Amino acid sequence: MTATAGRGAPITCPRRRWIRRAAVAALVFALVVGIGGGRLYSFPQVDTLQSDDRIDAVLALGGRTETAYYAVGLAEQGIAPVVLVSNPYPQDEAFQGIHDLCASRPTTYELICFDPDPRTTRGEARELGRLATERGWDDVAVVAAKYHVSRTRTIVKRCYSGRLHMVAPEMSIRPLNWTYQYVRQTLGYAKVAVQQGC
């Protein structure tokens, strides 16, 4: 809405200016997330481990049952003798698969389930770094959902200085979840940018 002052010069309503600025900011954000996010989230740099590869340990990030069982699969192939599983979840049905895995007693590999502190990727990276230092690991893999690989690599490298393989299992991700993850991961990158160290 405009009003006339003096000799008929239009005055723009502050509310309209705010709406225009918000629309422009949303458009710019959508373009940045769409262009940058496509490379970082949909097509990240992912490593491949072959059955004859040997590493010290594999960490499955929390959030998806698929990542935990993919890590177990690597151990069962003889690629890693130790599987770390992040398990910060309450005891309810939604996370029963992780709880069942953590209650199992595998005989062909060592299984370590832990509650990260903080309960974020940063807490998971800290635990990996601590164990790597304690046990002398210098070649590990981290399993994450594809959309989480790039940001995880950045965070883990702050806590662990050895050779790092980032792997992602094939998983079905709904379009709505992709949209949510583009926004979530972008905000996560902003948080990583202001955090210092491990």
Protein backbone atom coordinates (compact mmCIF):
# COMPACT_ATOMS: atom_id res chain seq x y z
CA MET A 1 0.00 0.00 0.00
CA THR A 2 1.32 3.46 -0.79
CA ALA A 3 0.43 6.91 0.50
CA THR A 4 1.06 10.34 -0.96
CA ALA A 5 3.17 12.96 0.83
CA GLY A 6 3.97 16.50 -0.24
CA ARG A 7 3.76 16.76 -4.02
CA GLY A 8 2.43 13.29 -4.62
CA ALA A 9 5.69 11.30 -4.02
CA PRO A 10 4.69 7.72 -3.16
CA ILE A 11 5.72 6.34 0.22
CA THR A 12 6.24 2.59 0.34
CA CYS A 13 4.62 0.84 3.26
CA PRO A 14 7.31 -0.64 5.60
CA ARG A 15 5.39 -3.90 5.71
CA ARG A 16 5.65 -4.32 1.91
CA ARG A 17 9.37 -3.58 2.00
CA TRP A 18 9.84 -6.23 4.66
CA ILE A 19 7.84 -8.78 2.64
CA ARG A 20 9.90 -8.04 -0.51
CA ARG A 21 13.18 -8.40 1.39
CA ALA A 22 12.03 -11.66 2.99
CA ALA A 23 11.01 -13.01 -0.42
CA VAL A 24 14.39 -12.09 -1.94
CA ALA A 25 16.24 -13.64 1.02
CA ALA A 26 14.18 -16.84 0.70
CA LEU A 27 14.91 -17.01 -3.03
CA VAL A 28 18.66 -16.54 -2.48
CA PHE A 29 18.64 -19.17 0.28
CA ALA A 30 16.77 -21.61 -1.97
CA LEU A 31 19.26 -21.07 -4.80
CA VAL A 32 22.29 -21.54 -2.52
CA VAL A 33 20.84 -24.67 -0.95
CA GLY A 34 19.75 -26.02 -4.32
CA ILE A 35 23.05 -25.43 -6.13
CA GLY A 36 25.49 -26.07 -3.28
CA GLY A 37 23.30 -28.68 -1.65
CA GLY A 38 23.12 -30.73 -4.82
CA ARG A 39 26.86 -31.33 -4.69
CA LEU A 40 27.20 -31.58 -0.92
CA TYR A 41 24.10 -33.59 -0.07
CA SER A 42 22.93 -35.47 -3.18
CA PHE A 43 26.34 -36.15 -4.76
CA PRO A 44 28.95 -36.05 -1.96
CA GLN A 45 32.44 -37.50 -2.23
CA VAL A 46 31.89 -41.08 -1.04
CA ASP A 47 34.61 -43.70 -0.62
CA THR A 48 34.30 -47.37 -1.53
CA LEU A 49 35.71 -50.17 0.58
CA GLN A 50 36.49 -53.46 -1.14
CA SER A 51 36.32 -56.88 0.51
CA ASP A 52 40.13 -57.09 0.58
CA ASP A 53 40.55 -53.69 2.31
CA ARG A 54 41.57 -53.67 5.97
CA ILE A 55 40.92 -50.78 8.33
CA ASP A 56 41.12 -50.39 12.11
CA ALA A 57 37.46 -49.62 12.88
CA VAL A 58 34.17 -48.43 11.44
CA LEU A 59 31.81 -45.92 13.08
CA ALA A 60 28.07 -45.92 12.34
CA LEU A 61 26.55 -42.53 13.00
CA GLY A 62 23.23 -42.42 14.81
CA GLY A 63 19.99 -41.56 13.12
CA ARG A 64 19.51 -44.47 10.72
CA THR A 65 19.38 -48.21 11.38
CA GLU A 66 20.79 -48.72 7.88
CA THR A 67 24.11 -47.12 8.83
CA ALA A 68 24.58 -49.45 11.81
CA TYR A 69 23.88 -52.61 9.84
CA TYR A 70 26.03 -51.42 6.95
CA ALA A 71 28.93 -51.03 9.40
CA VAL A 72 28.25 -54.53 10.72
CA GLY A 73 28.34 -55.80 7.15
CA LEU A 74 31.83 -54.33 6.71
CA ALA A 75 32.97 -56.13 9.86
CA GLU A 76 31.40 -59.41 8.74
CA GLN A 77 33.36 -59.15 5.47
CA GLY A 78 36.54 -58.88 7.56
CA ILE A 79 37.20 -55.25 6.56
CA ALA A 80 37.06 -53.89 10.13
CA PRO A 81 37.61 -55.76 13.41
CA VAL A 82 35.79 -53.11 15.49
CA VAL A 83 32.32 -51.57 14.97
CA LEU A 84 31.33 -48.42 16.84
CA VAL A 85 27.61 -47.67 16.98
CA SER A 86 26.25 -44.37 18.24
CA ASN A 87 23.22 -45.16 20.40
CA PRO A 88 21.77 -42.07 22.08
CA TYR A 89 18.20 -43.32 21.75
CA PRO A 90 15.44 -43.86 24.30
CA GLN A 91 14.11 -47.36 24.82
CA ASP A 92 11.16 -47.38 22.45
CA GLU A 93 10.06 -49.26 19.34
CA ALA A 94 11.32 -46.66 16.87
CA PHE A 95 14.92 -47.55 17.80
CA GLN A 96 14.47 -51.23 18.61
CA GLY A 97 16.76 -52.33 15.76
CA ILE A 98 19.69 -50.37 17.22
CA HIS A 99 18.98 -51.62 20.75
CA ASP A 100 18.81 -55.22 19.54
CA LEU A 101 22.12 -54.80 17.72
CA CYS A 102 23.78 -53.27 20.79
CA ALA A 103 22.49 -56.13 22.96
CA SER A 104 24.00 -58.74 20.63
CA ARG A 105 27.31 -60.45 21.33
CA PRO A 106 29.17 -60.88 18.02
CA THR A 107 32.10 -63.27 18.00
CA THR A 108 33.89 -62.26 14.79
CA TYR A 109 34.32 -58.56 15.61
CA GLU A 110 34.22 -56.21 18.59
CA LEU A 111 31.05 -54.17 18.99
CA ILE A 112 31.16 -50.92 20.96
CA CYS A 113 27.90 -49.02 21.45
CA PHE A 114 28.11 -45.60 23.06
CA ASP A 115 26.01 -42.58 23.96
CA PRO A 116 27.84 -39.59 22.44
CA ASP A 117 28.48 -36.41 24.41
CA PRO A 118 27.03 -34.15 23.10
CA ARG A 119 24.37 -36.21 21.33
CA THR A 120 25.38 -34.86 17.93
CA THR A 121 27.82 -35.68 15.14
CA ARG A 122 30.38 -33.68 17.11
CA GLY A 123 29.97 -36.03 20.09
CA GLU A 124 30.32 -39.03 17.80
CA ALA A 125 33.49 -37.58 16.25
CA ARG A 126 34.95 -36.90 19.71
CA GLU A 127 34.40 -40.51 20.78
CA LEU A 128 36.01 -41.77 17.57
CA GLY A 129 38.98 -39.46 18.12
CA ARG A 130 39.34 -40.57 21.75
CA LEU A 131 39.28 -44.26 20.90
CA ALA A 132 41.61 -43.78 17.93
CA THR A 133 44.17 -42.12 20.19
CA GLU A 134 43.72 -44.72 22.93
CA ARG A 135 43.99 -47.70 20.58
CA GLY A 136 46.39 -46.35 17.97
CA TRP A 137 43.93 -46.40 15.06
CA ASP A 138 45.09 -44.55 11.94
CA ASP A 139 42.68 -45.90 9.30
CA VAL A 140 38.94 -45.78 9.98
CA ALA A 141 35.63 -45.52 8.15
CA VAL A 142 32.51 -43.59 9.07
CA VAL A 143 29.12 -44.67 7.76
CA ALA A 144 26.56 -41.91 7.26
CA ALA A 145 23.46 -41.25 5.19
CA LYS A 146 24.42 -39.71 1.84
CA TYR A 147 23.06 -36.25 2.74
CA HIS A 148 25.19 -36.23 5.91
CA VAL A 149 28.53 -37.34 4.41
CA SER A 150 30.08 -33.95 3.55
CA ARG A 151 29.33 -32.27 6.87
CA THR A 152 30.38 -35.37 8.81
CA ARG A 153 33.75 -35.43 7.03
CA THR A 154 34.39 -31.82 8.11
CA ILE A 155 33.46 -32.53 11.74
CA VAL A 156 35.34 -35.84 12.06
CA LYS A 157 38.55 -34.38 10.61
CA ARG A 158 38.61 -31.93 13.52
CA CYS A 159 38.76 -34.81 16.01
CA TYR A 160 40.66 -37.49 14.10
CA SER A 161 43.84 -36.97 12.07
CA GLY A 162 44.29 -40.40 10.48
CA ARG A 163 43.06 -41.78 7.18
CA LEU A 164 39.29 -41.39 6.88
CA HIS A 165 36.90 -43.24 4.57
CA MET A 166 33.38 -41.81 4.31
CA VAL A 167 30.90 -44.43 3.14
CA ALA A 168 27.15 -44.30 2.58
CA PRO A 169 24.76 -47.24 2.29
CA GLU A 170 22.06 -47.29 -0.36
CA MET A 171 18.84 -46.22 1.29
CA SER A 172 15.41 -45.01 0.27
CA ILE A 173 14.90 -41.35 1.14
CA ARG A 174 11.52 -39.72 0.55
CA PRO A 175 11.40 -36.40 -1.34
CA LEU A 176 10.03 -34.58 1.71
CA ASN A 177 12.93 -35.89 3.81
CA TRP A 178 15.40 -34.68 1.16
CA THR A 179 13.91 -31.19 1.42
CA TYR A 180 14.14 -31.31 5.21
CA GLN A 181 17.74 -32.57 5.07
CA TYR A 182 18.84 -29.84 2.63
CA VAL A 183 17.71 -27.21 5.12
CA ARG A 184 18.95 -29.11 8.20
CA GLN A 185 22.39 -29.84 6.75
CA THR A 186 22.81 -26.25 5.55
CA LEU A 187 21.99 -24.93 9.02
CA GLY A 188 24.37 -27.56 10.40
CA TYR A 189 27.15 -26.23 8.17
CA ALA A 190 26.50 -22.73 9.56
CA LYS A 191 26.89 -24.13 13.09
CA VAL A 192 30.14 -25.92 12.15
CA ALA A 193 31.50 -22.66 10.73
CA VAL A 194 31.27 -20.92 14.11
CA GLN A 195 32.47 -23.85 16.23
CA GLN A 196 36.16 -24.14 16.99
CA GLY A 197 38.20 -27.33 17.28
CA CYS A 198 36.88 -30.78 18.10
